[in-house]
C-alpha atoms as a PDB file:
ATOM      1  CA  MET A   1       0.009   0.024   0.113  1.00  0.00           C
ATOM      2  CA  ARG A   2       2.980   2.325   0.764  1.00  0.00           C
ATOM      3  CA  ASN A   3       4.163   2.164  -2.898  1.00  0.00           C
ATOM      4  CA  LEU A   4       0.692   2.745  -4.075  1.00  0.00           C
ATOM      5  CA  ARG A   5       0.471   5.909  -1.985  1.00  0.00           C
ATOM      6  CA  GLU A   6       3.883   7.195  -3.135  1.00  0.00           C
ATOM      7  CA  ALA A   7       2.989   6.512  -6.739  1.00  0.00           C
ATOM      8  CA  LEU A   8      -0.375   8.430  -6.277  1.00  0.00           C
ATOM      9  CA  ILE A   9       1.451  11.290  -4.769  1.00  0.00           C
ATOM     10  CA  ALA A  10       3.786  11.505  -7.573  1.00  0.00           C
ATOM     11  CA  LEU A  11       0.844  11.662 -10.048  1.00  0.00           C
ATOM     12  CA  LEU A  12      -0.874  14.403  -8.297  1.00  0.00           C
ATOM     13  CA  PRO A  13       0.292  17.431 -10.356  1.00  0.00           C
ATOM     14  CA  ALA A  14      -0.531  15.504 -13.648  1.00  0.00           C
ATOM     15  CA  LEU A  15      -3.850  14.457 -12.234  1.00  0.00           C
ATOM     16  CA  ARG A  16      -4.771  18.082 -11.095  1.00  0.00           C
ATOM     17  CA  ARG A  17      -3.948  19.375 -14.691  1.00  0.00           C
ATOM     18  CA  PHE A  18      -5.982  16.550 -16.236  1.00  0.00           C
ATOM     19  CA  ALA A  19      -8.970  17.115 -13.975  1.00  0.00           C
ATOM     20  CA  ALA A  20      -8.955  21.046 -14.262  1.00  0.00           C
ATOM     21  CA  GLY A  21      -8.689  20.533 -18.210  1.00  0.00           C
ATOM     22  CA  LEU A  22     -11.653  18.311 -17.987  1.00  0.00           C
ATOM     23  CA  SER A  23     -13.662  20.271 -15.484  1.00  0.00           C
ATOM     24  CA  GLY A  24     -12.753  23.841 -16.784  1.00  0.00           C
ATOM     25  CA  SER A  25     -12.128  24.922 -13.206  1.00  0.00           C
ATOM     26  CA  VAL A  26      -9.332  24.424 -10.888  1.00  0.00           C
ATOM     27  CA  ALA A  27     -11.475  24.169  -7.928  1.00  0.00           C
ATOM     28  CA  ASP A  28     -13.809  21.400  -9.775  1.00  0.00           C
ATOM     29  CA  GLY A  29     -10.729  19.743 -10.699  1.00  0.00           C
ATOM     30  CA  ASP A  30      -9.271  19.497  -7.301  1.00  0.00           C
ATOM     31  CA  ASP A  31     -12.641  18.109  -6.020  1.00  0.00           C
ATOM     32  CA  LEU A  32     -12.381  15.708  -8.653  1.00  0.00           C
ATOM     33  CA  VAL A  33      -8.899  14.577  -7.958  1.00  0.00           C
ATOM     34  CA  GLN A  34      -9.802  14.302  -4.116  1.00  0.00           C
ATOM     35  CA  ALA A  35     -12.576  12.034  -5.222  1.00  0.00           C
ATOM     36  CA  ALA A  36     -10.222   9.951  -7.410  1.00  0.00           C
ATOM     37  CA  CYS A  37      -7.676   9.610  -4.683  1.00  0.00           C
ATOM     38  CA  GLU A  38     -10.240   8.518  -2.165  1.00  0.00           C
ATOM     39  CA  ARG A  39     -11.409   5.892  -4.686  1.00  0.00           C
ATOM     40  CA  VAL A  40      -7.824   4.620  -5.405  1.00  0.00           C
ATOM     41  CA  LEU A  41      -7.125   4.391  -1.752  1.00  0.00           C
ATOM     42  CA  THR A  42     -10.428   2.584  -0.855  1.00  0.00           C
ATOM     43  CA  ARG A  43     -10.351   0.318  -3.837  1.00  0.00           C
ATOM     44  CA  SER A  44      -6.643  -0.366  -4.243  1.00  0.00           C
ATOM     45  CA  ASP A  45      -7.399  -4.054  -4.400  1.00  0.00           C
ATOM     46  CA  GLN A  46      -8.879  -3.612  -7.907  1.00  0.00           C
ATOM     47  CA  TRP A  47      -5.476  -2.357  -9.304  1.00  0.00           C
ATOM     48  CA  ARG A  48      -3.465  -5.358 -10.763  1.00  0.00           C
ATOM     49  CA  GLU A  49       0.415  -5.597 -10.502  1.00  0.00           C
ATOM     50  CA  GLY A  50       1.907  -5.502 -14.141  1.00  0.00           C
ATOM     51  CA  THR A  51      -0.777  -2.877 -15.392  1.00  0.00           C
ATOM     52  CA  ARG A  52       0.121   0.867 -15.533  1.00  0.00           C
ATOM     53  CA  PHE A  53      -0.887   2.574 -12.403  1.00  0.00           C
ATOM     54  CA  ASP A  54      -1.365   6.011 -14.023  1.00  0.00           C
ATOM     55  CA  SER A  55      -3.766   4.759 -16.661  1.00  0.00           C
ATOM     56  CA  TRP A  56      -5.714   3.266 -13.962  1.00  0.00           C
ATOM     57  CA  VAL A  57      -5.954   6.428 -12.102  1.00  0.00           C
ATOM     58  CA  TYR A  58      -6.486   8.663 -15.096  1.00  0.00           C
ATOM     59  CA  ARG A  59      -9.398   6.209 -16.051  1.00  0.00           C
ATOM     60  CA  ILE A  60     -10.987   6.789 -12.429  1.00  0.00           C
ATOM     61  CA  VAL A  61     -10.668  10.554 -12.950  1.00  0.00           C
ATOM     62  CA  HIS A  62     -12.376  10.267 -16.419  1.00  0.00           C
ATOM     63  CA  MET A  63     -15.251   8.084 -15.160  1.00  0.00           C
ATOM     64  CA  LEU A  64     -15.701  10.253 -12.139  1.00  0.00           C
ATOM     65  CA  TRP A  65     -15.918  13.292 -14.449  1.00  0.00           C
ATOM     66  CA  LEU A  66     -18.458  11.483 -16.686  1.00  0.00           C
ATOM     67  CA  ASP A  67     -20.433  10.676 -13.543  1.00  0.00           C
ATOM     68  CA  GLU A  68     -20.386  14.479 -12.599  1.00  0.00           C
ATOM     69  CA  ILE A  69     -21.496  15.524 -16.051  1.00  0.00           C
ATOM     70  CA  ARG A  70     -24.588  13.197 -16.028  1.00  0.00           C
ATOM     71  CA  ARG A  71     -25.326  14.477 -12.503  1.00  0.00           C
ATOM     72  CA  ARG A  72     -25.128  18.045 -13.678  1.00  0.00           C
ATOM     73  CA  ARG A  73     -27.336  17.535 -16.631  1.00  0.00           C
ATOM     74  CA  ARG A  74     -30.022  16.167 -14.038  1.00  0.00           C
ATOM     75  CA  LYS A  75     -29.341  19.192 -11.763  1.00  0.00           C
ATOM     76  CA  PRO A  76     -27.502  22.224 -13.034  1.00  0.00           C
ATOM     77  CA  GLU A  77     -25.538  24.308 -11.071  1.00  0.00           C
ATOM     78  CA  VAL A  78     -24.165  27.860 -11.651  1.00  0.00           C
ATOM     79  CA  ALA A  79     -20.286  28.086 -10.876  1.00  0.00           C
ATOM     80  CA  ILE A  80     -19.350  31.493  -9.487  1.00  0.00           C
ATOM     81  CA  GLU A  81     -15.512  32.090  -9.924  1.00  0.00           C
ATOM     82  CA  ASN A  82     -14.044  35.147  -8.111  1.00  0.00           C
ATOM     83  CA  ALA A  83     -11.578  37.347  -9.797  1.00  0.00           C
ATOM     84  CA  PRO A  84      -8.190  36.731  -8.748  1.00  0.00           C
ATOM     85  CA  ASP A  85      -6.144  39.490  -6.992  1.00  0.00           C
ATOM     86  CA  ILE A  86      -3.228  40.469  -9.028  1.00  0.00           C
ATOM     87  CA  ALA A  87      -0.103  42.075  -7.973  1.00  0.00           C
ATOM     88  CA  GLY A  88       3.517  42.202  -9.224  1.00  0.00           C
ATOM     89  CA  ALA A  89       5.715  44.357 -11.278  1.00  0.00           C
ATOM     90  CA  ASP A  90       4.083  43.904 -14.679  1.00  0.00           C
ATOM     91  CA  GLY A  91       0.455  44.000 -13.656  1.00  0.00           C
ATOM     92  CA  VAL A  92      -0.752  44.483 -17.243  1.00  0.00           C
ATOM     93  CA  ALA A  93       1.276  41.513 -18.696  1.00  0.00           C
ATOM     94  CA  GLU A  94       0.236  39.322 -15.759  1.00  0.00           C
ATOM     95  CA  ILE A  95      -3.386  40.294 -16.338  1.00  0.00           C
ATOM     96  CA  GLU A  96      -3.212  39.728 -20.148  1.00  0.00           C
ATOM     97  CA  ALA A  97      -1.541  36.386 -19.481  1.00  0.00           C
ATOM     98  CA  ARG A  98      -4.115  35.298 -17.095  1.00  0.00           C
ATOM     99  CA  MET A  99      -7.121  36.519 -19.414  1.00  0.00           C
ATOM    100  CA  THR A 100      -5.659  34.394 -22.333  1.00  0.00           C
ATOM    101  CA  MET A 101      -5.293  31.329 -20.145  1.00  0.00           C
ATOM    102  CA  ASN A 102      -8.919  32.025 -18.949  1.00  0.00           C
ATOM    103  CA  SER A 103      -9.937  32.164 -22.607  1.00  0.00           C
ATOM    104  CA  ILE A 104      -8.352  28.879 -23.350  1.00  0.00           C
ATOM    105  CA  ARG A 105      -9.774  27.194 -20.334  1.00  0.00           C
ATOM    106  CA  ALA A 106     -13.220  28.652 -21.276  1.00  0.00           C
ATOM    107  CA  GLU A 107     -12.858  27.626 -24.766  1.00  0.00           C
ATOM    108  CA  LEU A 108     -11.673  23.982 -23.641  1.00  0.00           C
ATOM    109  CA  ALA A 109     -14.645  23.772 -21.389  1.00  0.00           C
ATOM    110  CA  ARG A 110     -16.855  24.421 -24.323  1.00  0.00           C
ATOM    111  CA  LEU A 111     -15.454  21.350 -26.220  1.00  0.00           C
ATOM    112  CA  PRO A 112     -17.587  18.187 -26.025  1.00  0.00           C
ATOM    113  CA  PRO A 113     -16.344  16.101 -23.102  1.00  0.00           C
ATOM    114  CA  GLU A 114     -14.912  13.412 -25.227  1.00  0.00           C
ATOM    115  CA  GLN A 115     -12.832  15.741 -27.270  1.00  0.00           C
ATOM    116  CA  ARG A 116     -11.913  17.653 -24.196  1.00  0.00           C
ATOM    117  CA  ALA A 117     -10.550  14.618 -22.493  1.00  0.00           C
ATOM    118  CA  VAL A 118      -8.396  13.593 -25.452  1.00  0.00           C
ATOM    119  CA  VAL A 119      -7.152  17.134 -26.036  1.00  0.00           C
ATOM    120  CA  VAL A 120      -6.155  17.544 -22.173  1.00  0.00           C
ATOM    121  CA  LEU A 121      -4.609  13.748 -22.220  1.00  0.00           C
ATOM    122  CA  VAL A 122      -2.518  14.517 -25.292  1.00  0.00           C
ATOM    123  CA  CYS A 123      -1.889  18.222 -25.560  1.00  0.00           C
ATOM    124  CA  VAL A 124      -1.604  18.907 -21.827  1.00  0.00           C
ATOM    125  CA  GLU A 125      -0.260  15.725 -20.187  1.00  0.00           C
ATOM    126  CA  GLY A 126       1.742  14.670 -23.137  1.00  0.00           C
ATOM    127  CA  LEU A 127       0.493  11.143 -23.277  1.00  0.00           C
ATOM    128  CA  SER A 128       0.773   9.265 -26.613  1.00  0.00           C
ATOM    129  CA  TYR A 129      -2.452   8.555 -28.641  1.00  0.00           C
ATOM    130  CA  ARG A 130      -2.004   4.700 -27.523  1.00  0.00           C
ATOM    131  CA  GLU A 131      -1.767   5.987 -23.751  1.00  0.00           C
ATOM    132  CA  ALA A 132      -4.863   8.081 -24.177  1.00  0.00           C
ATOM    133  CA  ALA A 133      -6.677   5.332 -26.048  1.00  0.00           C
ATOM    134  CA  GLU A 134      -6.092   2.813 -23.084  1.00  0.00           C
ATOM    135  CA  ILE A 135      -7.039   5.407 -20.435  1.00  0.00           C
ATOM    136  CA  LEU A 136     -10.371   6.200 -22.319  1.00  0.00           C
ATOM    137  CA  GLU A 137     -10.785   2.686 -23.218  1.00  0.00           C
ATOM    138  CA  ILE A 138     -11.213   3.841 -27.168  1.00  0.00           C
ATOM    139  CA  PRO A 139      -9.471   2.875 -30.238  1.00  0.00           C
ATOM    140  CA  ALA A 140      -6.333   4.890 -31.086  1.00  0.00           C
ATOM    141  CA  GLY A 141      -7.998   5.971 -34.355  1.00  0.00           C
ATOM    142  CA  THR A 142     -11.017   7.577 -32.243  1.00  0.00           C
ATOM    143  CA  VAL A 143      -8.279   9.290 -30.239  1.00  0.00           C
ATOM    144  CA  MET A 144      -6.673  10.863 -33.439  1.00  0.00           C
ATOM    145  CA  SER A 145     -10.074  11.835 -34.964  1.00  0.00           C
ATOM    146  CA  ARG A 146     -11.317  13.486 -31.635  1.00  0.00           C
ATOM    147  CA  LEU A 147      -7.885  15.197 -31.080  1.00  0.00           C
ATOM    148  CA  ALA A 148      -8.156  16.665 -34.625  1.00  0.00           C
ATOM    149  CA  ARG A 149     -11.646  17.754 -34.315  1.00  0.00           C
ATOM    150  CA  GLY A 150     -10.916  19.403 -30.800  1.00  0.00           C
ATOM    151  CA  ARG A 151      -7.679  21.156 -31.926  1.00  0.00           C
ATOM    152  CA  GLU A 152      -9.436  22.574 -34.892  1.00  0.00           C
ATOM    153  CA  THR A 153     -12.225  23.682 -32.978  1.00  0.00           C
ATOM    154  CA  LEU A 154     -10.012  25.278 -30.307  1.00  0.00           C
ATOM    155  CA  SER A 155      -7.831  26.986 -33.061  1.00  0.00           C
ATOM    156  CA  ALA A 156     -10.870  28.661 -34.753  1.00  0.00           C
ATOM    157  CA  ARG A 157     -12.434  29.720 -31.374  1.00  0.00           C
ATOM    158  CA  LEU A 158      -9.330  31.205 -30.141  1.00  0.00           C
ATOM    159  CA  ARG A 159      -8.456  33.063 -33.439  1.00  0.00           C
ATOM    160  CA  THR A 160     -11.456  35.079 -32.843  1.00  0.00           C
ATOM    161  CA  LEU A 161     -10.393  36.262 -29.430  1.00  0.00           C
ATOM    162  CA  ARG A 162      -8.441  39.324 -29.068  1.00  0.00           C
ATOM    163  CA  VAL A 163      -7.348  41.088 -25.759  1.00  0.00           C
ATOM    164  CA  HIS A 164      -8.117  44.682 -25.426  1.00  0.00           C
ATOM    165  CA  PRO A 165      -4.771  46.897 -25.586  1.00  0.00           C
ATOM    166  CA  GLN A 166      -5.428  48.113 -21.869  1.00  0.00           C
ATOM    167  CA  GLY A 167      -5.799  44.431 -20.905  1.00  0.00           C
ATOM    168  CA  ASP A 168      -9.036  44.896 -19.113  1.00  0.00           C
ATOM    169  CA  THR A 169     -11.457  42.933 -21.480  1.00  0.00           C
ATOM    170  CA  VAL A 170     -11.520  40.023 -24.088  1.00  0.00           C
ATOM    171  CA  ARG A 171     -13.527  40.829 -26.977  1.00  0.00           C
ATOM    172  CA  ARG A 172     -14.707  38.417 -29.593  1.00  0.00           C
ATOM    173  CA  LEU A 173     -13.834  39.459 -33.182  1.00  0.00           C
ATOM    174  CA  GLY A 174     -16.472  38.885 -36.067  1.00  0.00           C
END
């Protein structure tokens, strides 16, 4: 059990990125990771030696996220995000960078869940198509097509975004 806990701890940064990418929110992503860690620790007997631990845990996170999507469809919630306090030497650059990241997160969150999962696993986590296919339990060809559609959609949506020169708004062109 100790090695399992150590492996889980080492995987936490990647799990947080994956979960935040799926959910579109750092807070929701952290909740998702917490639920996944609890499941990993309480059901450690379900993991088999010789199989990839990271794939098993990513699959748990993904399945928990799909359950959450189903739950939200039945009972919609309104997420309230507080604007972060920004301080630093170059506040304008920091604000613009955060606005760009927020725009990317928002557009990523608008992707269909199937595309979003593939984009986060391959583009953010750097997994291979084969690894993503194993985690999501889909063929590698499906990973490639979902990734292509997701990248194309994100690219098109992000091309229409422009940060105001004062750094105070994001405007959609066209």
